[in-house]
Amino acid sequence: MAPHGEKFTLNEPVVFRGRPMRVTGRVQFEGSSGQLTFRYQLSDADGAPVVLEKGEGHFALLRPFPPAARFKTADNTIIVGTAKYTLISVRRLKVLDISGNAAGIAAGAPLILSGIFEGLMGTLMREMVPGKPAQVYYLLKPLAAGEILSAAQYAANEDAKGHAAGERALNGD
């Protein structure tokens, strides 16, 4: 495990939902009250990169919207298609460190404003850099325990399952 609350380090092998991957990008943020948030880009040879964020001890999958998606904004709401999302919080994230391939608009930005919106379809996050026109939208999906593990922890879990299955077989269960 990495120091200072970080879960994974750059180039570390991980297993996401049973799929072996590697951490190819990492961004460390500091919130306005000093809390640390880490964003990881995971990649493998076969598929599109996966972006995860770890904050307050929990992981979330960040699914970017396609570039053609149309957003309507008014006051504290965002409408995407027929889904309406209402602002529930704003995070002011200071970028402390970037390594590898940084996902989203974090690359080169010292500060990111991140709005969290809730709606019937789930949680939407809109990020922007103050003074810049670019905005990035994500759908957030919380991950259950065990959906993302270091490769070492995944191997240990699989080994334990194998030993338990062997014990059950020997005991005739």
Protein backbone atom coordinates (compact mmCIF):
# COMPACT_ATOMS: atom_id res chain seq x y z
CA MET A 1 0.00 0.00 0.00
CA ALA A 2 1.23 3.49 -0.82
CA PRO A 3 1.90 6.12 1.85
CA HIS A 4 -0.28 9.08 2.96
CA GLY A 5 -3.70 7.54 2.30
CA GLU A 6 -2.95 6.74 -1.32
CA LYS A 7 -4.17 3.31 -2.34
CA PHE A 8 -2.11 2.68 -5.49
CA THR A 9 1.12 3.98 -7.01
CA LEU A 10 1.92 4.73 -10.64
CA ASN A 11 2.53 1.56 -12.73
CA GLU A 12 1.21 -0.69 -9.97
CA PRO A 13 -0.65 -3.78 -11.23
CA VAL A 14 -4.28 -3.85 -10.08
CA VAL A 15 -7.40 -5.93 -10.73
CA PHE A 16 -10.61 -4.04 -11.54
CA ARG A 17 -13.74 -6.23 -11.50
CA GLY A 18 -11.62 -9.32 -12.18
CA ARG A 19 -9.71 -7.66 -15.05
CA PRO A 20 -5.92 -7.24 -14.68
CA MET A 21 -4.88 -3.64 -15.34
CA ARG A 22 -2.09 -1.20 -14.49
CA VAL A 23 -2.18 2.30 -12.97
CA THR A 24 -1.08 4.51 -15.86
CA GLY A 25 -2.03 7.88 -14.40
CA ARG A 26 -2.47 9.40 -10.96
CA VAL A 27 -3.55 12.81 -9.67
CA GLN A 28 -3.52 13.87 -6.03
CA PHE A 29 -5.92 16.63 -4.98
CA GLU A 30 -6.37 18.51 -1.72
CA GLY A 31 -9.82 19.75 -0.82
CA SER A 32 -10.55 23.06 0.92
CA SER A 33 -10.61 21.37 4.35
CA GLY A 34 -7.34 19.49 3.72
CA GLN A 35 -8.80 16.10 2.75
CA LEU A 36 -6.91 14.17 0.08
CA THR A 37 -8.51 12.75 -3.04
CA PHE A 38 -6.75 10.51 -5.55
CA ARG A 39 -7.75 9.93 -9.15
CA TYR A 40 -6.37 6.95 -11.03
CA GLN A 41 -6.35 6.06 -14.70
CA LEU A 42 -6.19 2.30 -15.25
CA SER A 43 -5.27 0.72 -18.57
CA ASP A 44 -4.74 -2.66 -20.16
CA ALA A 45 -3.80 -3.71 -23.69
CA ASP A 46 -7.36 -4.54 -24.77
CA GLY A 47 -9.77 -1.82 -23.70
CA ALA A 48 -10.44 1.81 -23.03
CA PRO A 49 -8.89 3.37 -19.92
CA VAL A 50 -10.88 3.32 -16.69
CA VAL A 51 -10.94 6.37 -14.39
CA LEU A 52 -11.46 5.91 -10.65
CA GLU A 53 -11.51 8.40 -7.82
CA LYS A 54 -10.80 7.61 -4.17
CA GLY A 55 -12.00 10.08 -1.57
CA GLU A 56 -13.09 9.67 2.04
CA GLY A 57 -12.15 5.97 1.94
CA HIS A 58 -14.43 5.07 -0.98
CA PHE A 59 -13.85 4.49 -4.69
CA ALA A 60 -16.09 5.70 -7.51
CA LEU A 61 -15.99 4.93 -11.22
CA LEU A 62 -15.98 8.11 -13.33
CA ARG A 63 -17.71 7.52 -16.67
CA PRO A 64 -17.12 10.43 -19.05
CA PHE A 65 -19.97 11.58 -21.26
CA PRO A 66 -19.40 11.38 -25.02
CA PRO A 67 -18.27 14.63 -26.66
CA ALA A 68 -21.59 14.87 -28.55
CA ALA A 69 -23.66 14.89 -25.33
CA ARG A 70 -25.72 18.06 -24.93
CA PHE A 71 -26.10 19.66 -21.52
CA LYS A 72 -28.59 22.33 -20.56
CA THR A 73 -27.69 24.33 -17.46
CA ALA A 74 -29.86 26.71 -15.49
CA ASP A 75 -29.18 27.99 -11.98
CA ASN A 76 -28.22 24.92 -9.94
CA THR A 77 -29.48 22.25 -12.36
CA ILE A 78 -28.15 20.35 -15.37
CA ILE A 79 -30.41 18.55 -17.83
CA VAL A 80 -29.02 15.75 -20.00
CA GLY A 81 -31.67 14.41 -22.35
CA THR A 82 -34.68 13.98 -20.06
CA ALA A 83 -32.63 13.48 -16.86
CA LYS A 84 -32.45 16.42 -14.46
CA TYR A 85 -29.64 16.79 -11.91
CA THR A 86 -29.57 19.26 -9.00
CA LEU A 87 -26.41 20.69 -7.45
CA ILE A 88 -25.72 19.30 -3.96
CA SER A 89 -22.10 20.36 -3.40
CA VAL A 90 -19.08 22.07 -4.87
CA ARG A 91 -15.52 20.90 -4.31
CA ARG A 92 -12.53 23.17 -4.73
CA LEU A 93 -9.64 20.80 -5.50
CA LYS A 94 -6.05 21.99 -5.47
CA VAL A 95 -3.84 19.78 -7.65
CA LEU A 96 -0.88 18.63 -5.54
CA ASP A 97 0.73 16.07 -7.84
CA ILE A 98 0.27 14.59 -11.32
CA SER A 99 2.07 11.55 -12.64
CA GLY A 100 1.59 9.47 -15.76
CA ASN A 101 -1.50 10.05 -17.91
CA ALA A 102 -3.82 12.38 -16.01
CA ALA A 103 -7.49 11.88 -16.77
CA GLY A 104 -9.87 14.77 -17.43
CA ILE A 105 -8.86 18.40 -17.24
CA ALA A 106 -6.41 18.05 -14.35
CA ALA A 107 -3.31 18.14 -16.55
CA GLY A 108 -1.60 21.49 -16.11
CA ALA A 109 -4.36 23.01 -13.96
CA PRO A 110 -3.46 24.17 -10.43
CA LEU A 111 -7.10 24.23 -9.26
CA ILE A 112 -10.29 22.44 -10.31
CA LEU A 113 -13.88 23.25 -9.36
CA SER A 114 -15.98 20.12 -9.16
CA GLY A 115 -19.76 20.34 -8.87
CA ILE A 116 -21.67 17.28 -7.65
CA PHE A 117 -25.26 16.94 -8.91
CA GLU A 118 -27.88 14.34 -7.90
CA GLY A 119 -30.80 13.12 -9.98
CA LEU A 120 -33.03 10.10 -10.58
CA MET A 121 -30.37 8.60 -12.88
CA GLY A 122 -27.62 8.89 -10.23
CA THR A 123 -24.77 11.30 -9.58
CA LEU A 124 -23.25 13.64 -12.15
CA MET A 125 -19.98 15.53 -11.69
CA ARG A 126 -19.03 18.63 -13.68
CA GLU A 127 -15.44 19.82 -13.53
CA MET A 128 -13.90 23.04 -14.74
CA VAL A 129 -10.77 25.09 -14.35
CA PRO A 130 -11.50 28.67 -13.23
CA GLY A 131 -11.10 31.07 -16.15
CA LYS A 132 -11.15 28.34 -18.80
CA PRO A 133 -14.15 27.48 -21.01
CA ALA A 134 -13.57 23.68 -21.02
CA GLN A 135 -15.83 21.55 -18.83
CA VAL A 136 -15.81 17.78 -18.32
CA TYR A 137 -18.87 15.79 -17.23
CA TYR A 138 -18.84 12.39 -15.55
CA LEU A 139 -21.44 9.97 -14.24
CA LEU A 140 -20.27 8.62 -10.88
CA LYS A 141 -20.83 5.04 -9.81
CA PRO A 142 -19.71 4.01 -6.32
CA LEU A 143 -17.68 0.81 -6.26
CA ALA A 144 -18.40 -2.02 -3.86
CA ALA A 145 -15.64 -3.39 -1.65
CA GLY A 146 -13.38 -5.71 -3.62
CA GLU A 147 -14.16 -4.32 -7.09
CA ILE A 148 -10.69 -2.73 -7.22
CA LEU A 149 -7.74 -4.48 -5.57
CA SER A 150 -3.99 -4.51 -5.87
CA ALA A 151 -2.84 -7.51 -7.90
CA ALA A 152 -1.17 -8.89 -4.75
CA GLN A 153 -4.40 -8.63 -2.72
CA TYR A 154 -6.42 -10.21 -5.54
CA ALA A 155 -3.95 -13.13 -5.75
CA ALA A 156 -4.10 -13.60 -1.97
CA ASN A 157 -7.93 -13.63 -2.08
CA GLU A 158 -7.94 -16.17 -4.91
CA ASP A 159 -5.42 -18.34 -3.04
CA ALA A 160 -7.60 -18.23 0.09
CA LYS A 161 -10.65 -19.24 -1.98
CA GLY A 162 -8.67 -22.17 -3.42
CA HIS A 163 -7.60 -23.32 0.05
CA ALA A 164 -11.18 -23.07 1.33
CA ALA A 165 -12.49 -25.05 -1.65
CA GLY A 166 -9.82 -27.70 -1.03
CA GLU A 167 -10.79 -27.94 2.64
CA ARG A 168 -14.45 -28.33 1.74
CA ALA A 169 -13.58 -31.07 -0.77
CA LEU A 170 -11.50 -32.94 1.82
CA ASN A 171 -14.30 -32.65 4.37
CA GLY A 172 -16.88 -33.92 1.90
CA ASP A 173 -18.92 -30.69 1.90
